[in-house]
Amino acid sequence: MTAMNTNDLLKLPATKLKRILALKTQIERLESRIGAVITKAMPGPLQKVAKKKRHMTAAARKKISVAAKARWAKIKAGRGK
């Protein structure tokens, strides 16, 4: 089977175009039904299981804050020269 470009499609009679459209619609319906059957046949959830969010302690946040402030102080000290 070869791909048809727009010019080739315009040359086809209306009856052929209607038949092509009907076949394409039928193929899409069948693909949808196949997907539904596969989904039902697979065990377990298909969606990604959401991971629990990690919670940071106040001490950890403070440690990160102090480190960031130290980095910025070092950068600002370098600019002053």
PDB file of N, CA and C in Angstrom:
ATOM      1  N   MET A   1       0.846  -1.173   0.000  1.00  0.00           N
ATOM      2  CA  MET A   1       0.000   0.000   0.000  1.00  0.00           C
ATOM      3  C   MET A   1       0.893   1.238   0.000  1.00  0.00           C
ATOM      4  N   THR A   2       0.544   2.189  -0.821  1.00  0.00           N
ATOM      5  CA  THR A   2       1.334   3.415  -0.893  1.00  0.00           C
ATOM      6  C   THR A   2       0.523   4.574  -0.340  1.00  0.00           C
ATOM      7  N   ALA A   3       1.203   5.559   0.179  1.00  0.00           N
ATOM      8  CA  ALA A   3       0.540   6.749   0.708  1.00  0.00           C
ATOM      9  C   ALA A   3       0.105   7.628  -0.454  1.00  0.00           C
ATOM     10  N   MET A   4      -1.071   8.225  -0.281  1.00  0.00           N
ATOM     11  CA  MET A   4      -1.595   9.094  -1.329  1.00  0.00           C
ATOM     12  C   MET A   4      -1.428  10.542  -0.889  1.00  0.00           C
ATOM     13  N   ASN A   5      -1.043  11.379  -1.827  1.00  0.00           N
ATOM     14  CA  ASN A   5      -0.971  12.793  -1.482  1.00  0.00           C
ATOM     15  C   ASN A   5      -2.307  13.450  -1.795  1.00  0.00           C
ATOM     16  N   THR A   6      -2.441  14.717  -1.473  1.00  0.00           N
ATOM     17  CA  THR A   6      -3.703  15.431  -1.616  1.00  0.00           C
ATOM     18  C   THR A   6      -4.175  15.466  -3.066  1.00  0.00           C
ATOM     19  N   ASN A   7      -3.252  15.637  -4.000  1.00  0.00           N
ATOM     20  CA  ASN A   7      -3.644  15.699  -5.417  1.00  0.00           C
ATOM     21  C   ASN A   7      -4.267  14.390  -5.873  1.00  0.00           C
ATOM     22  N   ASP A   8      -3.704  13.261  -5.408  1.00  0.00           N
ATOM     23  CA  ASP A   8      -4.272  11.965  -5.778  1.00  0.00           C
ATOM     24  C   ASP A   8      -5.671  11.795  -5.200  1.00  0.00           C
ATOM     25  N   LEU A   9      -5.878  12.261  -3.977  1.00  0.00           N
ATOM     26  CA  LEU A   9      -7.195  12.146  -3.349  1.00  0.00           C
ATOM     27  C   LEU A   9      -8.234  12.990  -4.081  1.00  0.00           C
ATOM     28  N   LEU A  10      -7.822  14.158  -4.564  1.00  0.00           N
ATOM     29  CA  LEU A  10      -8.763  15.027  -5.275  1.00  0.00           C
ATOM     30  C   LEU A  10      -9.215  14.424  -6.599  1.00  0.00           C
ATOM     31  N   LYS A  11      -8.424  13.555  -7.155  1.00  0.00           N
ATOM     32  CA  LYS A  11      -8.767  12.936  -8.442  1.00  0.00           C
ATOM     33  C   LYS A  11      -9.746  11.772  -8.288  1.00  0.00           C
ATOM     34  N   LEU A  12      -9.928  11.264  -7.068  1.00  0.00           N
ATOM     35  CA  LEU A  12     -10.820  10.122  -6.856  1.00  0.00           C
ATOM     36  C   LEU A  12     -12.279  10.547  -6.936  1.00  0.00           C
ATOM     37  N   PRO A  13     -13.126   9.652  -7.427  1.00  0.00           N
ATOM     38  CA  PRO A  13     -14.563   9.959  -7.452  1.00  0.00           C
ATOM     39  C   PRO A  13     -15.134   9.988  -6.026  1.00  0.00           C
ATOM     40  N   ALA A  14     -16.270  10.653  -5.866  1.00  0.00           N
ATOM     41  CA  ALA A  14     -16.899  10.821  -4.553  1.00  0.00           C
ATOM     42  C   ALA A  14     -17.230   9.484  -3.913  1.00  0.00           C
ATOM     43  N   THR A  15     -17.647   8.510  -4.695  1.00  0.00           N
ATOM     44  CA  THR A  15     -18.004   7.202  -4.124  1.00  0.00           C
ATOM     45  C   THR A  15     -16.786   6.543  -3.481  1.00  0.00           C
ATOM     46  N   LYS A  16     -15.636   6.665  -4.124  1.00  0.00           N
ATOM     47  CA  LYS A  16     -14.395   6.095  -3.566  1.00  0.00           C
ATOM     48  C   LYS A  16     -14.018   6.814  -2.273  1.00  0.00           C
ATOM     49  N   LEU A  17     -14.153   8.158  -2.273  1.00  0.00           N
ATOM     50  CA  LEU A  17     -13.825   8.933  -1.078  1.00  0.00           C
ATOM     51  C   LEU A  17     -14.729   8.551   0.093  1.00  0.00           C
ATOM     52  N   LYS A  18     -16.024   8.353  -0.199  1.00  0.00           N
ATOM     53  CA  LYS A  18     -16.956   7.942   0.845  1.00  0.00           C
ATOM     54  C   LYS A  18     -16.583   6.571   1.390  1.00  0.00           C
ATOM     55  N   ARG A  19     -16.171   5.676   0.506  1.00  0.00           N
ATOM     56  CA  ARG A  19     -15.761   4.325   0.927  1.00  0.00           C
ATOM     57  C   ARG A  19     -14.501   4.395   1.796  1.00  0.00           C
ATOM     58  N   ILE A  20     -13.550   5.251   1.394  1.00  0.00           N
ATOM     59  CA  ILE A  20     -12.321   5.426   2.179  1.00  0.00           C
ATOM     60  C   ILE A  20     -12.662   5.957   3.566  1.00  0.00           C
ATOM     61  N   LEU A  21     -13.558   6.939   3.633  1.00  0.00           N
ATOM     62  CA  LEU A  21     -13.961   7.514   4.904  1.00  0.00           C
ATOM     63  C   LEU A  21     -14.647   6.471   5.785  1.00  0.00           C
ATOM     64  N   ALA A  22     -15.522   5.657   5.189  1.00  0.00           N
ATOM     65  CA  ALA A  22     -16.215   4.611   5.944  1.00  0.00           C
ATOM     66  C   ALA A  22     -15.215   3.593   6.496  1.00  0.00           C
ATOM     67  N   LEU A  23     -14.242   3.206   5.684  1.00  0.00           N
ATOM     68  CA  LEU A  23     -13.234   2.242   6.137  1.00  0.00           C
ATOM     69  C   LEU A  23     -12.377   2.832   7.254  1.00  0.00           C
ATOM     70  N   LYS A  24     -12.007   4.101   7.107  1.00  0.00           N
ATOM     71  CA  LYS A  24     -11.190   4.749   8.137  1.00  0.00           C
ATOM     72  C   LYS A  24     -11.954   4.817   9.452  1.00  0.00           C
ATOM     73  N   THR A  25     -13.228   5.144   9.395  1.00  0.00           N
ATOM     74  CA  THR A  25     -14.063   5.206  10.591  1.00  0.00           C
ATOM     75  C   THR A  25     -14.161   3.826  11.240  1.00  0.00           C
ATOM     76  N   GLN A  26     -14.339   2.805  10.416  1.00  0.00           N
ATOM     77  CA  GLN A  26     -14.447   1.437  10.927  1.00  0.00           C
ATOM     78  C   GLN A  26     -13.129   1.004  11.586  1.00  0.00           C
ATOM     79  N   ILE A  27     -12.012   1.351  10.979  1.00  0.00           N
ATOM     80  CA  ILE A  27     -10.702   1.012  11.544  1.00  0.00           C
ATOM     81  C   ILE A  27     -10.532   1.686  12.904  1.00  0.00           C
ATOM     82  N   GLU A  28     -10.910   2.959  13.007  1.00  0.00           N
ATOM     83  CA  GLU A  28     -10.783   3.679  14.280  1.00  0.00           C
ATOM     84  C   GLU A  28     -11.651   3.047  15.366  1.00  0.00           C
ATOM     85  N   ARG A  29     -12.882   2.621  15.006  1.00  0.00           N
ATOM     86  CA  ARG A  29     -13.760   1.963  15.975  1.00  0.00           C
ATOM     87  C   ARG A  29     -13.153   0.650  16.449  1.00  0.00           C
ATOM     88  N   LEU A  30     -12.615  -0.121  15.501  1.00  0.00           N
ATOM     89  CA  LEU A  30     -12.012  -1.402  15.866  1.00  0.00           C
ATOM     90  C   LEU A  30     -10.780  -1.208  16.743  1.00  0.00           C
ATOM     91  N   GLU A  31      -9.950  -0.213  16.429  1.00  0.00           N
ATOM     92  CA  GLU A  31      -8.776   0.065  17.258  1.00  0.00           C
ATOM     93  C   GLU A  31      -9.192   0.445  18.671  1.00  0.00           C
ATOM     94  N   SER A  32     -10.277   1.202  18.789  1.00  0.00           N
ATOM     95  CA  SER A  32     -10.782   1.590  20.103  1.00  0.00           C
ATOM     96  C   SER A  32     -11.255   0.364  20.877  1.00  0.00           C
ATOM     97  N   ARG A  33     -11.954  -0.530  20.199  1.00  0.00           N
ATOM     98  CA  ARG A  33     -12.442  -1.747  20.853  1.00  0.00           C
ATOM     99  C   ARG A  33     -11.291  -2.651  21.269  1.00  0.00           C
ATOM    100  N   ILE A  34     -10.262  -2.732  20.421  1.00  0.00           N
ATOM    101  CA  ILE A  34      -9.082  -3.540  20.759  1.00  0.00           C
ATOM    102  C   ILE A  34      -8.421  -2.969  22.009  1.00  0.00           C
ATOM    103  N   GLY A  35      -8.287  -1.652  22.063  1.00  0.00           N
ATOM    104  CA  GLY A  35      -7.700  -1.012  23.237  1.00  0.00           C
ATOM    105  C   GLY A  35      -8.491  -1.299  24.499  1.00  0.00           C
ATOM    106  N   ALA A  36      -9.818  -1.289  24.390  1.00  0.00           N
ATOM    107  CA  ALA A  36     -10.663  -1.577  25.551  1.00  0.00           C
ATOM    108  C   ALA A  36     -10.482  -3.011  26.015  1.00  0.00           C
ATOM    109  N   VAL A  37     -10.390  -3.940  25.076  1.00  0.00           N
ATOM    110  CA  VAL A  37     -10.195  -5.350  25.430  1.00  0.00           C
ATOM    111  C   VAL A  37      -8.844  -5.546  26.108  1.00  0.00           C
ATOM    112  N   ILE A  38      -7.817  -4.917  25.573  1.00  0.00           N
ATOM    113  CA  ILE A  38      -6.476  -5.040  26.155  1.00  0.00           C
ATOM    114  C   ILE A  38      -6.463  -4.446  27.560  1.00  0.00           C
ATOM    115  N   THR A  39      -7.105  -3.305  27.737  1.00  0.00           N
ATOM    116  CA  THR A  39      -7.140  -2.658  29.044  1.00  0.00           C
ATOM    117  C   THR A  39      -7.828  -3.544  30.076  1.00  0.00           C
ATOM    118  N   LYS A  40      -8.928  -4.169  29.684  1.00  0.00           N
ATOM    119  CA  LYS A  40      -9.655  -5.038  30.612  1.00  0.00           C
ATOM    120  C   LYS A  40      -8.851  -6.297  30.935  1.00  0.00           C
ATOM    121  N   ALA A  41      -8.045  -6.769  29.986  1.00  0.00           N
ATOM    122  CA  ALA A  41      -7.305  -8.010  30.171  1.00  0.00           C
ATOM    123  C   ALA A  41      -6.070  -7.827  31.050  1.00  0.00           C
ATOM    124  N   MET A  42      -5.580  -6.602  31.156  1.00  0.00           N
ATOM    125  CA  MET A  42      -4.354  -6.362  31.920  1.00  0.00           C
ATOM    126  C   MET A  42      -4.663  -6.305  33.409  1.00  0.00           C
ATOM    127  N   PRO A  43      -3.836  -6.956  34.208  1.00  0.00           N
ATOM    128  CA  PRO A  43      -4.054  -6.913  35.651  1.00  0.00           C
ATOM    129  C   PRO A  43      -3.560  -5.604  36.253  1.00  0.00           C
ATOM    130  N   GLY A  44      -4.217  -5.160  37.298  1.00  0.00           N
ATOM    131  CA  GLY A  44      -3.766  -3.982  38.034  1.00  0.00           C
ATOM    132  C   GLY A  44      -4.075  -2.690  37.324  1.00  0.00           C
ATOM    133  N   PRO A  45      -3.804  -1.607  37.995  1.00  0.00           N
ATOM    134  CA  PRO A  45      -4.088  -0.294  37.413  1.00  0.00           C
ATOM    135  C   PRO A  45      -3.083   0.077  36.329  1.00  0.00           C
ATOM    136  N   LEU A  46      -3.572   0.741  35.288  1.00  0.00           N
ATOM    137  CA  LEU A  46      -2.691   1.187  34.219  1.00  0.00           C
ATOM    138  C   LEU A  46      -2.148   2.580  34.496  1.00  0.00           C
ATOM    139  N   GLN A  47      -2.838   3.316  35.352  1.00  0.00           N
ATOM    140  CA  GLN A  47      -2.372   4.652  35.665  1.00  0.00           C
ATOM    141  C   GLN A  47      -1.132   4.542  36.544  1.00  0.00           C
ATOM    142  N   LYS A  48      -0.304   5.566  36.447  1.00  0.00           N
ATOM    143  CA  LYS A  48       0.867   5.609  37.301  1.00  0.00           C
ATOM    144  C   LYS A  48       0.423   5.745  38.747  1.00  0.00           C
ATOM    145  N   VAL A  49       1.018   4.958  39.581  1.00  0.00           N
ATOM    146  CA  VAL A  49       0.692   5.037  40.992  1.00  0.00           C
ATOM    147  C   VAL A  49       1.398   6.264  41.567  1.00  0.00           C
ATOM    148  N   ALA A  50       0.629   7.114  42.198  1.00  0.00           N
ATOM    149  CA  ALA A  50       1.189   8.346  42.751  1.00  0.00           C
ATOM    150  C   ALA A  50       2.054   8.011  43.956  1.00  0.00           C
ATOM    151  N   LYS A  51       3.252   8.556  43.947  1.00  0.00           N
ATOM    152  CA  LYS A  51       4.137   8.361  45.089  1.00  0.00           C
ATOM    153  C   LYS A  51       3.717   9.313  46.192  1.00  0.00           C
ATOM    154  N   LYS A  52       3.953   8.877  47.417  1.00  0.00           N
ATOM    155  CA  LYS A  52       3.661   9.758  48.534  1.00  0.00           C
ATOM    156  C   LYS A  52       4.642  10.917  48.519  1.00  0.00           C
ATOM    157  N   LYS A  53       4.127  12.087  48.847  1.00  0.00           N
ATOM    158  CA  LYS A  53       4.995  13.258  48.891  1.00  0.00           C
ATOM    159  C   LYS A  53       5.915  13.150  50.094  1.00  0.00           C
ATOM    160  N   ARG A  54       7.137  13.571  49.898  1.00  0.00           N
ATOM    161  CA  ARG A  54       8.082  13.589  50.996  1.00  0.00           C
ATOM    162  C   ARG A  54       7.927  14.901  51.756  1.00  0.00           C
ATOM    163  N   HIS A  55       8.005  14.813  53.028  1.00  0.00           N
ATOM    164  CA  HIS A  55       7.906  16.014  53.857  1.00  0.00           C
ATOM    165  C   HIS A  55       9.266  16.302  54.459  1.00  0.00           C
ATOM    166  N   MET A  56       9.635  17.558  54.413  1.00  0.00           N
ATOM    167  CA  MET A  56      10.931  17.972  54.933  1.00  0.00           C
ATOM    168  C   MET A  56      10.737  18.539  56.340  1.00  0.00           C
ATOM    169  N   THR A  57      11.621  18.166  57.205  1.00  0.00           N
ATOM    170  CA  THR A  57      11.537  18.676  58.570  1.00  0.00           C
ATOM    171  C   THR A  57      11.965  20.137  58.585  1.00  0.00           C
ATOM    172  N   ALA A  58      11.580  20.812  59.647  1.00  0.00           N
ATOM    173  CA  ALA A  58      11.951  22.221  59.799  1.00  0.00           C
ATOM    174  C   ALA A  58      13.466  22.364  59.885  1.00  0.00           C
ATOM    175  N   ALA A  59      14.120  21.405  60.523  1.00  0.00           N
ATOM    176  CA  ALA A  59      15.578  21.463  60.654  1.00  0.00           C
ATOM    177  C   ALA A  59      16.247  21.348  59.285  1.00  0.00           C
ATOM    178  N   ALA A  60      15.721  20.495  58.436  1.00  0.00           N
ATOM    179  CA  ALA A  60      16.292  20.324  57.096  1.00  0.00           C
ATOM    180  C   ALA A  60      16.098  21.588  56.269  1.00  0.00           C
ATOM    181  N   ARG A  61      14.903  22.185  56.359  1.00  0.00           N
ATOM    182  CA  ARG A  61      14.652  23.437  55.634  1.00  0.00           C
ATOM    183  C   ARG A  61      15.599  24.534  56.113  1.00  0.00           C
ATOM    184  N   LYS A  62      15.821  24.604  57.395  1.00  0.00           N
ATOM    185  CA  LYS A  62      16.715  25.604  57.961  1.00  0.00           C
ATOM    186  C   LYS A  62      18.147  25.391  57.463  1.00  0.00           C
ATOM    187  N   LYS A  63      18.581  24.134  57.404  1.00  0.00           N
ATOM    188  CA  LYS A  63      19.934  23.806  56.947  1.00  0.00           C
ATOM    189  C   LYS A  63      20.122  24.238  55.485  1.00  0.00           C
ATOM    190  N   ILE A  64      19.104  23.978  54.646  1.00  0.00           N
ATOM    191  CA  ILE A  64      19.163  24.368  53.232  1.00  0.00           C
ATOM    192  C   ILE A  64      19.182  25.892  53.117  1.00  0.00           C
ATOM    193  N   SER A  65      18.375  26.554  53.932  1.00  0.00           N
ATOM    194  CA  SER A  65      18.318  28.019  53.911  1.00  0.00           C
ATOM    195  C   SER A  65      19.664  28.626  54.284  1.00  0.00           C
ATOM    196  N   VAL A  66      20.274  28.109  55.329  1.00  0.00           N
ATOM    197  CA  VAL A  66      21.576  28.628  55.768  1.00  0.00           C
ATOM    198  C   VAL A  66      22.621  28.428  54.677  1.00  0.00           C
ATOM    199  N   ALA A  67      22.617  27.258  54.036  1.00  0.00           N
ATOM    200  CA  ALA A  67      23.582  26.973  52.972  1.00  0.00           C
ATOM    201  C   ALA A  67      23.376  27.910  51.785  1.00  0.00           C
ATOM    202  N   ALA A  68      22.118  28.168  51.415  1.00  0.00           N
ATOM    203  CA  ALA A  68      21.825  29.059  50.287  1.00  0.00           C
ATOM    204  C   ALA A  68      22.273  30.483  50.598  1.00  0.00           C
ATOM    205  N   LYS A  69      22.010  30.929  51.811  1.00  0.00           N
ATOM    206  CA  LYS A  69      22.421  32.277  52.203  1.00  0.00           C
ATOM    207  C   LYS A  69      23.939  32.403  52.181  1.00  0.00           C
ATOM    208  N   ALA A  70      24.630  31.344  52.585  1.00  0.00           N
ATOM    209  CA  ALA A  70      26.093  31.366  52.568  1.00  0.00           C
ATOM    210  C   ALA A  70      26.616  31.449  51.132  1.00  0.00           C
ATOM    211  N   ARG A  71      25.968  30.705  50.225  1.00  0.00           N
ATOM    212  CA  ARG A  71      26.385  30.766  48.808  1.00  0.00           C
ATOM    213  C   ARG A  71      26.191  32.167  48.251  1.00  0.00           C
ATOM    214  N   TRP A  72      25.035  32.770  48.536  1.00  0.00           N
ATOM    215  CA  TRP A  72      24.765  34.118  48.028  1.00  0.00           C
ATOM    216  C   TRP A  72      25.723  35.138  48.637  1.00  0.00           C
ATOM    217  N   ALA A  73      26.045  34.988  49.901  1.00  0.00           N
ATOM    218  CA  ALA A  73      26.986  35.910  50.557  1.00  0.00           C
ATOM    219  C   ALA A  73      28.352  35.820  49.880  1.00  0.00           C
ATOM    220  N   LYS A  74      28.747  34.616  49.519  1.00  0.00           N
ATOM    221  CA  LYS A  74      30.035  34.414  48.844  1.00  0.00           C
ATOM    222  C   LYS A  74      30.029  35.075  47.460  1.00  0.00           C
ATOM    223  N   ILE A  75      28.917  34.939  46.755  1.00  0.00           N
ATOM    224  CA  ILE A  75      28.808  35.539  45.410  1.00  0.00           C
ATOM    225  C   ILE A  75      28.813  37.058  45.514  1.00  0.00           C
ATOM    226  N   LYS A  76      28.047  37.604  46.457  1.00  0.00           N
ATOM    227  CA  LYS A  76      27.966  39.053  46.627  1.00  0.00           C
ATOM    228  C   LYS A  76      29.306  39.637  47.073  1.00  0.00           C
ATOM    229  N   ALA A  77      30.032  38.885  47.881  1.00  0.00           N
ATOM    230  CA  ALA A  77      31.354  39.343  48.319  1.00  0.00           C
ATOM    231  C   ALA A  77      32.305  39.411  47.136  1.00  0.00           C
ATOM    232  N   GLY A  78      32.187  38.504  46.201  1.00  0.00           N
ATOM    233  CA  GLY A  78      33.035  38.491  45.002  1.00  0.00           C
ATOM    234  C   GLY A  78      32.735  39.642  44.072  1.00  0.00           C
ATOM    235  N   ARG A  79      31.516  40.109  44.025  1.00  0.00           N
ATOM    236  CA  ARG A  79      31.123  41.217  43.144  1.00  0.00           C
ATOM    237  C   ARG A  79      31.654  42.555  43.639  1.00  0.00           C
ATOM    238  N   GLY A  80      31.813  42.674  44.937  1.00  0.00           N
ATOM    239  CA  GLY A  80      32.229  43.941  45.531  1.00  0.00           C
ATOM    240  C   GLY A  80      33.645  44.337  45.191  1.00  0.00           C
ATOM    241  N   LYS A  81      34.440  43.424  44.732  1.00  0.00           N
ATOM    242  CA  LYS A  81      35.855  43.724  44.429  1.00  0.00           C
ATOM    243  C   LYS A  81      36.007  44.508  43.165  1.00  0.00           C
TER     244      LYS A  81
END
